[in-house]
Amino acid sequence: MGAERESVIEALDLTIDAHVHTGFAAGRDSVGVVVSAADQAGLTALTFADQVGPETTWLSAYADAVRRARQRTEMTLRVAAEVEVVQPDGWLAWPTDLGHLEAVSVAVSRLPLNHGLYAPREVRAMLTTGELTPEQVAEGLVTATVQGLQRASRYAPTQLARPLSLLAQVGLDDAVITPDLAAAFASACRETGTLVEISEAWRCPSARLVALLRAAHVTLVPASDARYAAEVGHWQYVRRV
């Protein structure tokens, strides 16, 4: 296992950060401050992936800010956005205008079921009462993720934010992901050309899933998911897995 972990690290380019936030949404700092911090961290590429939805009105200004920053750095800067899966069939909470985006980071922060969209606390309660089983949660999460990637990839290059992190949030070990579910998950990532983020902030996916994805020839990328500029390009969890 040690050799396998070592080869995973060698396969990752730790001079890129595939997911950072700014003050436009969940972050705290401007695009320029984030770029300066990334420069200081020795990065060569940075993907901005602020959270967006149907009510988002600032995408044009956001993209302009990234384009202006390109003139002041040799780093590769990419304009992306984090978009949530909100239905079991993979439908996403798209912003009105996708024209500014060079990539989409697909996220599943709540569990989409036929009768609603459930936050982690609600899923935990349903597990406690027996309304949901761990197997149903795992299948629902993987299915929504797969469908979301397939839908998003029709519009832009895709990456996957904090893969299957909902499991840990509801108190489930990723051992609940059966070999069949893991195979379907990996196949969807590979077939859609999705970059799977290894998230520093969210500590996911696990070493087990990293190994499974790597064996399936899925492309993995380091992602800080940083809210603050000082967090950009700094790796602890990523190196461990």
C-alpha atoms as a PDB file:
ATOM      1  CA  MET A   1       0.000   0.000   0.000  1.00  0.00           C
ATOM      2  CA  GLY A   2       2.891   2.359   0.740  1.00  0.00           C
ATOM      3  CA  ALA A   3       4.210   2.048  -2.804  1.00  0.00           C
ATOM      4  CA  GLU A   4       0.705   2.588  -4.161  1.00  0.00           C
ATOM      5  CA  ARG A   5       0.283   5.787  -2.156  1.00  0.00           C
ATOM      6  CA  GLU A   6       3.685   6.978  -3.301  1.00  0.00           C
ATOM      7  CA  SER A   7       2.796   6.464  -6.962  1.00  0.00           C
ATOM      8  CA  VAL A   8      -0.494   8.380  -6.488  1.00  0.00           C
ATOM      9  CA  ILE A   9       1.441  11.365  -5.155  1.00  0.00           C
ATOM     10  CA  GLU A  10       3.847  11.185  -8.083  1.00  0.00           C
ATOM     11  CA  ALA A  11       0.894  11.194 -10.482  1.00  0.00           C
ATOM     12  CA  LEU A  12      -0.491  14.432  -9.008  1.00  0.00           C
ATOM     13  CA  ASP A  13       0.830  17.825 -10.012  1.00  0.00           C
ATOM     14  CA  LEU A  14       0.903  19.654  -6.688  1.00  0.00           C
ATOM     15  CA  THR A  15       1.716  22.945  -8.419  1.00  0.00           C
ATOM     16  CA  ILE A  16      -1.935  23.295  -9.455  1.00  0.00           C
ATOM     17  CA  ASP A  17      -4.966  24.046  -7.314  1.00  0.00           C
ATOM     18  CA  ALA A  18      -8.144  22.923  -9.035  1.00  0.00           C
ATOM     19  CA  HIS A  19     -10.731  24.627  -6.811  1.00  0.00           C
ATOM     20  CA  VAL A  20     -10.552  27.948  -4.992  1.00  0.00           C
ATOM     21  CA  HIS A  21     -13.192  30.448  -3.841  1.00  0.00           C
ATOM     22  CA  THR A  22     -13.257  34.251  -3.801  1.00  0.00           C
ATOM     23  CA  GLY A  23     -15.291  37.037  -2.260  1.00  0.00           C
ATOM     24  CA  PHE A  24     -17.778  36.729  -5.120  1.00  0.00           C
ATOM     25  CA  ALA A  25     -19.403  33.832  -3.225  1.00  0.00           C
ATOM     26  CA  ALA A  26     -18.181  31.548  -0.424  1.00  0.00           C
ATOM     27  CA  GLY A  27     -14.663  32.982  -0.188  1.00  0.00           C
ATOM     28  CA  ARG A  28     -13.303  36.005   1.669  1.00  0.00           C
ATOM     29  CA  ASP A  29     -10.646  37.484  -0.648  1.00  0.00           C
ATOM     30  CA  SER A  30     -10.562  39.113  -4.074  1.00  0.00           C
ATOM     31  CA  VAL A  31      -9.388  37.344  -7.221  1.00  0.00           C
ATOM     32  CA  GLY A  32      -6.179  39.424  -7.171  1.00  0.00           C
ATOM     33  CA  VAL A  33      -5.358  38.506  -3.571  1.00  0.00           C
ATOM     34  CA  VAL A  34      -5.947  34.801  -4.286  1.00  0.00           C
ATOM     35  CA  VAL A  35      -3.684  34.949  -7.354  1.00  0.00           C
ATOM     36  CA  SER A  36      -0.924  36.657  -5.336  1.00  0.00           C
ATOM     37  CA  ALA A  37      -1.150  33.947  -2.670  1.00  0.00           C
ATOM     38  CA  ALA A  38      -1.000  31.238  -5.338  1.00  0.00           C
ATOM     39  CA  ASP A  39       2.081  32.875  -6.856  1.00  0.00           C
ATOM     40  CA  GLN A  40       3.745  32.898  -3.451  1.00  0.00           C
ATOM     41  CA  ALA A  41       2.858  29.213  -2.996  1.00  0.00           C
ATOM     42  CA  GLY A  42       4.676  28.411  -6.239  1.00  0.00           C
ATOM     43  CA  LEU A  43       1.621  27.294  -8.179  1.00  0.00           C
ATOM     44  CA  THR A  44       1.518  27.109 -11.970  1.00  0.00           C
ATOM     45  CA  ALA A  45      -2.265  26.836 -12.451  1.00  0.00           C
ATOM     46  CA  LEU A  46      -5.391  27.845 -10.566  1.00  0.00           C
ATOM     47  CA  THR A  47      -9.088  27.140 -11.141  1.00  0.00           C
ATOM     48  CA  PHE A  48     -11.626  29.578  -9.720  1.00  0.00           C
ATOM     49  CA  ALA A  49     -14.796  27.655  -8.847  1.00  0.00           C
ATOM     50  CA  ASP A  50     -17.111  29.880  -6.847  1.00  0.00           C
ATOM     51  CA  GLN A  51     -20.576  28.586  -5.982  1.00  0.00           C
ATOM     52  CA  VAL A  52     -23.338  29.653  -8.352  1.00  0.00           C
ATOM     53  CA  GLY A  53     -27.052  29.051  -8.839  1.00  0.00           C
ATOM     54  CA  PRO A  54     -30.094  30.321 -10.746  1.00  0.00           C
ATOM     55  CA  GLU A  55     -30.009  33.635  -8.854  1.00  0.00           C
ATOM     56  CA  THR A  56     -26.338  34.388  -9.577  1.00  0.00           C
ATOM     57  CA  THR A  57     -25.898  37.742 -11.321  1.00  0.00           C
ATOM     58  CA  TRP A  58     -22.139  38.328 -11.046  1.00  0.00           C
ATOM     59  CA  LEU A  59     -20.662  35.785 -13.469  1.00  0.00           C
ATOM     60  CA  SER A  60     -19.662  38.418 -16.012  1.00  0.00           C
ATOM     61  CA  ALA A  61     -17.791  40.522 -13.436  1.00  0.00           C
ATOM     62  CA  TYR A  62     -16.245  37.360 -11.986  1.00  0.00           C
ATOM     63  CA  ALA A  63     -14.924  36.213 -15.365  1.00  0.00           C
ATOM     64  CA  ASP A  64     -13.633  39.736 -16.116  1.00  0.00           C
ATOM     65  CA  ALA A  65     -11.732  39.792 -12.811  1.00  0.00           C
ATOM     66  CA  VAL A  66     -10.018  36.493 -13.642  1.00  0.00           C
ATOM     67  CA  ARG A  67      -9.156  37.690 -17.154  1.00  0.00           C
ATOM     68  CA  ARG A  68      -7.608  40.876 -15.770  1.00  0.00           C
ATOM     69  CA  ALA A  69      -5.577  38.811 -13.304  1.00  0.00           C
ATOM     70  CA  ARG A  70      -4.158  36.786 -16.222  1.00  0.00           C
ATOM     71  CA  GLN A  71      -2.341  39.886 -17.387  1.00  0.00           C
ATOM     72  CA  ARG A  72      -0.397  40.065 -14.121  1.00  0.00           C
ATOM     73  CA  THR A  73       0.775  36.476 -13.731  1.00  0.00           C
ATOM     74  CA  GLU A  74       2.369  33.642 -15.663  1.00  0.00           C
ATOM     75  CA  MET A  75       0.038  31.153 -13.990  1.00  0.00           C
ATOM     76  CA  THR A  76      -2.737  29.511 -15.963  1.00  0.00           C
ATOM     77  CA  LEU A  77      -6.034  30.820 -14.566  1.00  0.00           C
ATOM     78  CA  ARG A  78      -9.314  29.090 -15.400  1.00  0.00           C
ATOM     79  CA  VAL A  79     -12.849  30.433 -14.961  1.00  0.00           C
ATOM     80  CA  ALA A  80     -15.106  27.731 -13.542  1.00  0.00           C
ATOM     81  CA  ALA A  81     -18.033  27.538 -11.130  1.00  0.00           C
ATOM     82  CA  GLU A  82     -19.360  25.075  -8.586  1.00  0.00           C
ATOM     83  CA  VAL A  83     -22.868  23.928  -9.519  1.00  0.00           C
ATOM     84  CA  GLU A  84     -25.099  21.746  -7.309  1.00  0.00           C
ATOM     85  CA  VAL A  85     -26.956  18.597  -8.334  1.00  0.00           C
ATOM     86  CA  VAL A  86     -30.531  19.123  -7.094  1.00  0.00           C
ATOM     87  CA  GLN A  87     -32.529  16.215  -8.520  1.00  0.00           C
ATOM     88  CA  PRO A  88     -32.050  12.417  -8.612  1.00  0.00           C
ATOM     89  CA  ASP A  89     -31.784  12.529 -12.411  1.00  0.00           C
ATOM     90  CA  GLY A  90     -28.707  14.748 -12.123  1.00  0.00           C
ATOM     91  CA  TRP A  91     -30.374  18.072 -12.922  1.00  0.00           C
ATOM     92  CA  LEU A  92     -28.172  20.933 -11.752  1.00  0.00           C
ATOM     93  CA  ALA A  93     -28.942  24.360 -10.301  1.00  0.00           C
ATOM     94  CA  TRP A  94     -27.557  26.145 -13.348  1.00  0.00           C
ATOM     95  CA  PRO A  95     -26.881  29.873 -13.440  1.00  0.00           C
ATOM     96  CA  THR A  96     -28.698  31.777 -16.166  1.00  0.00           C
ATOM     97  CA  ASP A  97     -25.606  32.362 -18.320  1.00  0.00           C
ATOM     98  CA  LEU A  98     -23.044  29.590 -18.841  1.00  0.00           C
ATOM     99  CA  GLY A  99     -21.156  31.505 -21.520  1.00  0.00           C
ATOM    100  CA  HIS A 100     -18.478  32.788 -19.149  1.00  0.00           C
ATOM    101  CA  LEU A 101     -17.503  29.345 -17.820  1.00  0.00           C
ATOM    102  CA  GLU A 102     -14.539  27.317 -19.028  1.00  0.00           C
ATOM    103  CA  ALA A 103     -15.372  24.414 -16.713  1.00  0.00           C
ATOM    104  CA  VAL A 104     -18.036  23.233 -14.258  1.00  0.00           C
ATOM    105  CA  SER A 105     -17.266  21.778 -10.846  1.00  0.00           C
ATOM    106  CA  VAL A 106     -20.169  19.458 -10.005  1.00  0.00           C
ATOM    107  CA  ALA A 107     -21.113  19.213  -6.321  1.00  0.00           C
ATOM    108  CA  VAL A 108     -23.599  17.046  -4.405  1.00  0.00           C
ATOM    109  CA  SER A 109     -23.987  18.657  -0.981  1.00  0.00           C
ATOM    110  CA  ARG A 110     -27.514  17.418  -0.306  1.00  0.00           C
ATOM    111  CA  LEU A 111     -29.098  14.071  -1.119  1.00  0.00           C
ATOM    112  CA  PRO A 112     -31.556  14.303  -4.032  1.00  0.00           C
ATOM    113  CA  LEU A 113     -34.414  11.825  -3.617  1.00  0.00           C
ATOM    114  CA  ASN A 114     -37.693  11.494  -5.483  1.00  0.00           C
ATOM    115  CA  HIS A 115     -39.558  13.214  -2.645  1.00  0.00           C
ATOM    116  CA  GLY A 116     -37.123  16.042  -1.984  1.00  0.00           C
ATOM    117  CA  LEU A 117     -33.591  17.371  -1.492  1.00  0.00           C
ATOM    118  CA  TYR A 118     -32.181  16.560   1.946  1.00  0.00           C
ATOM    119  CA  ALA A 119     -29.399  18.237   3.909  1.00  0.00           C
ATOM    120  CA  PRO A 120     -26.924  16.058   5.856  1.00  0.00           C
ATOM    121  CA  ARG A 121     -28.728  16.606   9.179  1.00  0.00           C
ATOM    122  CA  GLU A 122     -32.013  15.466   7.642  1.00  0.00           C
ATOM    123  CA  VAL A 123     -30.378  12.381   6.120  1.00  0.00           C
ATOM    124  CA  ARG A 124     -28.864  11.482   9.510  1.00  0.00           C
ATOM    125  CA  ALA A 125     -32.316  11.706  11.088  1.00  0.00           C
ATOM    126  CA  MET A 126     -33.815   9.504   8.381  1.00  0.00           C
ATOM    127  CA  LEU A 127     -31.071   6.932   8.926  1.00  0.00           C
ATOM    128  CA  THR A 128     -31.758   6.975  12.666  1.00  0.00           C
ATOM    129  CA  THR A 129     -35.493   6.361  12.209  1.00  0.00           C
ATOM    130  CA  GLY A 130     -34.947   3.710   9.543  1.00  0.00           C
ATOM    131  CA  GLU A 131     -36.650   5.785   6.864  1.00  0.00           C
ATOM    132  CA  LEU A 132     -33.443   5.400   4.867  1.00  0.00           C
ATOM    133  CA  THR A 133     -30.832   2.634   4.924  1.00  0.00           C
ATOM    134  CA  PRO A 134     -27.101   3.218   4.417  1.00  0.00           C
ATOM    135  CA  GLU A 135     -27.360   1.294   1.151  1.00  0.00           C
ATOM    136  CA  GLN A 136     -30.113   3.596  -0.116  1.00  0.00           C
ATOM    137  CA  VAL A 137     -28.046   6.664   0.754  1.00  0.00           C
ATOM    138  CA  ALA A 138     -25.001   5.275  -1.049  1.00  0.00           C
ATOM    139  CA  GLU A 139     -26.979   4.313  -4.147  1.00  0.00           C
ATOM    140  CA  GLY A 140     -28.836   7.640  -4.250  1.00  0.00           C
ATOM    141  CA  LEU A 141     -25.642   9.632  -3.844  1.00  0.00           C
ATOM    142  CA  VAL A 142     -23.686   7.751  -6.502  1.00  0.00           C
ATOM    143  CA  THR A 143     -26.610   7.789  -8.949  1.00  0.00           C
ATOM    144  CA  ALA A 144     -27.150  11.544  -8.573  1.00  0.00           C
ATOM    145  CA  THR A 145     -23.404  12.161  -8.945  1.00  0.00           C
ATOM    146  CA  VAL A 146     -23.128  10.020 -12.078  1.00  0.00           C
ATOM    147  CA  GLN A 147     -26.187  11.625 -13.662  1.00  0.00           C
ATOM    148  CA  GLY A 148     -24.951  15.095 -12.738  1.00  0.00           C
ATOM    149  CA  LEU A 149     -21.589  14.512 -14.389  1.00  0.00           C
ATOM    150  CA  GLN A 150     -23.245  13.199 -17.521  1.00  0.00           C
ATOM    151  CA  ARG A 151     -25.516  16.245 -17.740  1.00  0.00           C
ATOM    152  CA  ALA A 152     -22.822  18.817 -16.957  1.00  0.00           C
ATOM    153  CA  SER A 153     -20.349  17.345 -19.433  1.00  0.00           C
ATOM    154  CA  ARG A 154     -22.730  18.243 -22.280  1.00  0.00           C
ATOM    155  CA  TYR A 155     -22.092  21.934 -21.602  1.00  0.00           C
ATOM    156  CA  ALA A 156     -18.499  22.274 -20.399  1.00  0.00           C
ATOM    157  CA  PRO A 157     -15.466  20.293 -19.216  1.00  0.00           C
ATOM    158  CA  THR A 158     -16.290  18.865 -15.798  1.00  0.00           C
ATOM    159  CA  GLN A 159     -14.622  18.255 -12.485  1.00  0.00           C
ATOM    160  CA  LEU A 160     -16.099  16.765  -9.324  1.00  0.00           C
ATOM    161  CA  ALA A 161     -16.015  18.754  -6.093  1.00  0.00           C
ATOM    162  CA  ARG A 162     -15.488  16.993  -2.709  1.00  0.00           C
ATOM    163  CA  PRO A 163     -16.368  13.521  -4.077  1.00  0.00           C
ATOM    164  CA  LEU A 164     -18.967  11.624  -2.018  1.00  0.00           C
ATOM    165  CA  SER A 165     -18.246  13.834   1.008  1.00  0.00           C
ATOM    166  CA  LEU A 166     -21.926  13.593   1.980  1.00  0.00           C
ATOM    167  CA  LEU A 167     -21.275  10.073   3.298  1.00  0.00           C
ATOM    168  CA  ALA A 168     -18.984  11.302   6.072  1.00  0.00           C
ATOM    169  CA  GLN A 169     -21.351  14.174   6.836  1.00  0.00           C
ATOM    170  CA  VAL A 170     -24.188  11.737   7.544  1.00  0.00           C
ATOM    171  CA  GLY A 171     -21.956   9.406   9.559  1.00  0.00           C
ATOM    172  CA  LEU A 172     -21.369   6.660   6.994  1.00  0.00           C
ATOM    173  CA  ASP A 173     -18.051   5.042   6.109  1.00  0.00           C
ATOM    174  CA  ASP A 174     -17.296   4.839   2.393  1.00  0.00           C
ATOM    175  CA  ALA A 175     -17.199   1.045   2.774  1.00  0.00           C
ATOM    176  CA  VAL A 176     -20.940   1.385   2.054  1.00  0.00           C
ATOM    177  CA  ILE A 177     -19.930   2.009  -1.560  1.00  0.00           C
ATOM    178  CA  THR A 178     -20.159  -1.483  -3.065  1.00  0.00           C
ATOM    179  CA  PRO A 179     -17.818  -2.647  -5.850  1.00  0.00           C
ATOM    180  CA  ASP A 180     -20.651  -2.185  -8.364  1.00  0.00           C
ATOM    181  CA  LEU A 181     -21.328   1.385  -7.213  1.00  0.00           C
ATOM    182  CA  ALA A 182     -17.612   2.176  -7.204  1.00  0.00           C
ATOM    183  CA  ALA A 183     -17.293   0.814 -10.742  1.00  0.00           C
ATOM    184  CA  ALA A 184     -20.251   2.893 -11.971  1.00  0.00           C
ATOM    185  CA  PHE A 185     -18.848   5.994 -10.280  1.00  0.00           C
ATOM    186  CA  ALA A 186     -15.365   5.531 -11.737  1.00  0.00           C
ATOM    187  CA  SER A 187     -16.741   4.703 -15.180  1.00  0.00           C
ATOM    188  CA  ALA A 188     -18.816   7.899 -15.286  1.00  0.00           C
ATOM    189  CA  CYS A 189     -15.811   9.994 -14.253  1.00  0.00           C
ATOM    190  CA  ARG A 190     -13.620   8.396 -16.901  1.00  0.00           C
ATOM    191  CA  GLU A 191     -16.176   8.460 -19.726  1.00  0.00           C
ATOM    192  CA  THR A 192     -17.085  12.124 -19.161  1.00  0.00           C
ATOM    193  CA  GLY A 193     -13.419  13.118 -18.851  1.00  0.00           C
ATOM    194  CA  THR A 194     -14.134  14.476 -15.370  1.00  0.00           C
ATOM    195  CA  LEU A 195     -11.240  15.657 -13.215  1.00  0.00           C
ATOM    196  CA  VAL A 196     -11.869  14.295  -9.725  1.00  0.00           C
ATOM    197  CA  GLU A 197     -10.786  16.713  -7.022  1.00  0.00           C
ATOM    198  CA  ILE A 198      -8.889  15.448  -3.992  1.00  0.00           C
ATOM    199  CA  SER A 199     -10.184  18.039  -1.559  1.00  0.00           C
ATOM    200  CA  GLU A 200      -7.867  19.383   1.111  1.00  0.00           C
ATOM    201  CA  ALA A 201     -10.644  21.243   2.943  1.00  0.00           C
ATOM    202  CA  TRP A 202     -13.127  18.364   2.908  1.00  0.00           C
ATOM    203  CA  ARG A 203     -10.612  15.512   3.380  1.00  0.00           C
ATOM    204  CA  CYS A 204     -12.080  13.454   0.556  1.00  0.00           C
ATOM    205  CA  PRO A 205     -12.116  11.138  -1.248  1.00  0.00           C
ATOM    206  CA  SER A 206     -10.601   8.530   1.066  1.00  0.00           C
ATOM    207  CA  ALA A 207      -7.358   6.739   0.317  1.00  0.00           C
ATOM    208  CA  ARG A 208      -9.450   3.693  -0.653  1.00  0.00           C
ATOM    209  CA  LEU A 209     -11.450   5.630  -3.238  1.00  0.00           C
ATOM    210  CA  VAL A 210      -8.339   7.396  -4.526  1.00  0.00           C
ATOM    211  CA  ALA A 211      -6.763   3.991  -5.179  1.00  0.00           C
ATOM    212  CA  LEU A 212      -9.925   2.706  -6.890  1.00  0.00           C
ATOM    213  CA  LEU A 213     -10.193   5.773  -9.103  1.00  0.00           C
ATOM    214  CA  ARG A 214      -6.541   5.652 -10.011  1.00  0.00           C
ATOM    215  CA  ALA A 215      -6.819   1.961 -10.927  1.00  0.00           C
ATOM    216  CA  ALA A 216      -9.743   2.904 -13.200  1.00  0.00           C
ATOM    217  CA  HIS A 217      -7.556   5.516 -14.948  1.00  0.00           C
ATOM    218  CA  VAL A 218      -9.564   8.480 -13.666  1.00  0.00           C
ATOM    219  CA  THR A 219      -7.689  11.791 -13.607  1.00  0.00           C
ATOM    220  CA  LEU A 220      -7.182  13.138 -10.076  1.00  0.00           C
ATOM    221  CA  VAL A 221      -6.302  16.733  -9.238  1.00  0.00           C
ATOM    222  CA  PRO A 222      -5.418  18.485  -5.958  1.00  0.00           C
ATOM    223  CA  ALA A 223      -7.996  21.030  -4.813  1.00  0.00           C
ATOM    224  CA  SER A 224      -7.724  23.190  -1.718  1.00  0.00           C
ATOM    225  CA  ASP A 225     -11.386  24.334  -1.865  1.00  0.00           C
ATOM    226  CA  ALA A 226      -9.893  27.359  -0.111  1.00  0.00           C
ATOM    227  CA  ARG A 227     -12.122  30.065   1.335  1.00  0.00           C
ATOM    228  CA  TYR A 228      -9.111  32.170   2.328  1.00  0.00           C
ATOM    229  CA  ALA A 229      -6.147  33.085   0.138  1.00  0.00           C
ATOM    230  CA  ALA A 230      -3.702  31.782   2.758  1.00  0.00           C
ATOM    231  CA  GLU A 231      -5.098  28.247   2.248  1.00  0.00           C
ATOM    232  CA  VAL A 232      -4.422  28.119  -1.495  1.00  0.00           C
ATOM    233  CA  GLY A 233      -1.927  25.506  -2.671  1.00  0.00           C
ATOM    234  CA  HIS A 234      -1.137  24.080   0.775  1.00  0.00           C
ATOM    235  CA  TRP A 235      -1.355  20.292   0.994  1.00  0.00           C
ATOM    236  CA  GLN A 236      -1.526  17.997   4.005  1.00  0.00           C
ATOM    237  CA  TYR A 237      -4.440  15.623   3.395  1.00  0.00           C
ATOM    238  CA  VAL A 238      -3.663  15.456  -0.315  1.00  0.00           C
ATOM    239  CA  ARG A 239      -0.117  14.290   0.423  1.00  0.00           C
ATOM    240  CA  ARG A 240      -1.326  11.716   2.944  1.00  0.00           C
ATOM    241  CA  VAL A 241      -3.698   9.935   0.595  1.00  0.00           C
END
